[in-house]
C-alpha atoms as a PDB file:
ATOM      1  CA  MET A   1     -99.649  51.265 -83.873  1.00  0.00           C
ATOM      2  CA  LEU A   2     -95.738  51.491 -82.181  1.00  0.00           C
ATOM      3  CA  TYR A   3     -96.146  55.190 -83.312  1.00  0.00           C
ATOM      4  CA  LEU A   4     -98.705  55.685 -81.211  1.00  0.00           C
ATOM      5  CA  LEU A   5     -97.275  53.751 -78.268  1.00  0.00           C
ATOM      6  CA  ALA A   6     -94.212  56.101 -79.212  1.00  0.00           C
ATOM      7  CA  VAL A   7     -96.768  59.458 -78.626  1.00  0.00           C
ATOM      8  CA  ILE A   8     -98.579  57.783 -75.673  1.00  0.00           C
ATOM      9  CA  GLY A   9     -95.484  57.104 -73.754  1.00  0.00           C
ATOM     10  CA  ALA A  10     -93.816  60.578 -74.689  1.00  0.00           C
ATOM     11  CA  LEU A  11     -96.808  62.563 -73.317  1.00  0.00           C
ATOM     12  CA  THR A  12     -97.054  60.378 -70.248  1.00  0.00           C
ATOM     13  CA  VAL A  13     -92.803  61.243 -69.623  1.00  0.00           C
ATOM     14  CA  ALA A  14     -93.692  65.036 -70.730  1.00  0.00           C
ATOM     15  CA  VAL A  15     -96.981  65.211 -68.310  1.00  0.00           C
ATOM     16  CA  LEU A  16     -94.909  63.486 -65.219  1.00  0.00           C
ATOM     17  CA  LEU A  17     -91.861  65.888 -65.819  1.00  0.00           C
ATOM     18  CA  TRP A  18     -93.629  68.651 -66.030  1.00  0.00           C
ATOM     19  CA  ARG A  19     -95.748  67.900 -62.335  1.00  0.00           C
ATOM     20  CA  ALA A  20     -92.472  67.233 -60.705  1.00  0.00           C
ATOM     21  CA  PHE A  21     -90.274  70.188 -62.783  1.00  0.00           C
ATOM     22  CA  GLY A  22     -92.544  72.496 -64.140  1.00  0.00           C
ATOM     23  CA  PRO A  23     -93.314  75.715 -62.292  1.00  0.00           C
ATOM     24  CA  ASP A  24     -95.063  75.961 -58.758  1.00  0.00           C
ATOM     25  CA  ARG A  25     -99.480  76.169 -59.119  1.00  0.00           C
ATOM     26  CA  VAL A  26    -100.787  79.194 -57.454  1.00  0.00           C
ATOM     27  CA  ASP A  27    -103.034  77.173 -53.736  1.00  0.00           C
ATOM     28  CA  THR A  28    -106.732  78.147 -54.916  1.00  0.00           C
ATOM     29  CA  ALA A  29    -107.264  78.211 -50.949  1.00  0.00           C
ATOM     30  CA  PRO A  30    -104.858  79.689 -48.458  1.00  0.00           C
ATOM     31  CA  SER A  31    -102.574  76.762 -46.247  1.00  0.00           C
ATOM     32  CA  ARG A  32    -103.429  77.179 -43.119  1.00  0.00           C
ATOM     33  CA  ARG A  33    -101.169  75.763 -39.935  1.00  0.00           C
ATOM     34  CA  PHE A  34    -103.327  75.251 -37.296  1.00  0.00           C
ATOM     35  CA  VAL A  35    -101.045  75.824 -33.771  1.00  0.00           C
ATOM     36  CA  ALA A  36    -102.534  73.569 -30.864  1.00  0.00           C
ATOM     37  CA  PRO A  37    -103.189  75.978 -27.671  1.00  0.00           C
ATOM     38  CA  ASP A  38    -100.538  73.834 -25.536  1.00  0.00           C
ATOM     39  CA  ASP A  39     -97.916  74.910 -28.569  1.00  0.00           C
ATOM     40  CA  ASP A  40     -98.744  78.054 -29.500  1.00  0.00           C
ATOM     41  CA  PRO A  41     -96.447  80.601 -27.304  1.00  0.00           C
ATOM     42  CA  ASP A  42     -98.837  83.157 -27.488  1.00  0.00           C
ATOM     43  CA  PHE A  43    -101.362  81.179 -26.212  1.00  0.00           C
ATOM     44  CA  LEU A  44     -99.274  80.190 -23.725  1.00  0.00           C
ATOM     45  CA  ARG A  45     -97.587  83.939 -23.140  1.00  0.00           C
ATOM     46  CA  LYS A  46    -101.262  85.350 -22.602  1.00  0.00           C
ATOM     47  CA  LEU A  47    -102.061  82.294 -19.988  1.00  0.00           C
ATOM     48  CA  GLY A  48     -99.346  83.267 -18.010  1.00  0.00           C
ATOM     49  CA  GLU A  49    -100.483  86.894 -17.877  1.00  0.00           C
ATOM     50  CA  GLN A  50    -103.673  86.170 -17.096  1.00  0.00           C
ATOM     51  CA  ARG A  51    -102.227  84.142 -14.163  1.00  0.00           C
ATOM     52  CA  LYS A  52     -99.921  86.855 -12.930  1.00  0.00           C
ATOM     53  CA  LYS A  53    -103.648  89.059 -12.750  1.00  0.00           C
ATOM     54  CA  LYS A  54    -105.234  86.492 -10.896  1.00  0.00           C
ATOM     55  CA  PRO A  55    -105.621  86.542  -6.982  1.00  0.00           C
ATOM     56  CA  ASP A  56    -103.412  83.290  -5.925  1.00  0.00           C
ATOM     57  CA  ASP A  57    -106.706  82.041  -3.681  1.00  0.00           C
ATOM     58  CA  GLU A  58    -107.352  79.245  -5.633  1.00  0.00           C
ATOM     59  CA  GLU A  59    -103.914  77.420  -5.202  1.00  0.00           C
END
C-alpha cells in the first residue's frame, strides 16, 4: 500500500513538473489582443487624417 501511494505521489509530482517546465504547447486557437479604439494608434491616426480633410464648419 505504501508503494502505491509513493507511485501516485511521484506521478503527481512528475506531471506538475512537466506542466510547469515542459515544452510549450501549441495553442489551438490563435490568441488575439483586443485594443480599444482610443488606445489604437492606427485608429487615432486615421481619425486625425479624417478630421483634417473635413471642413471646420461644425466647430
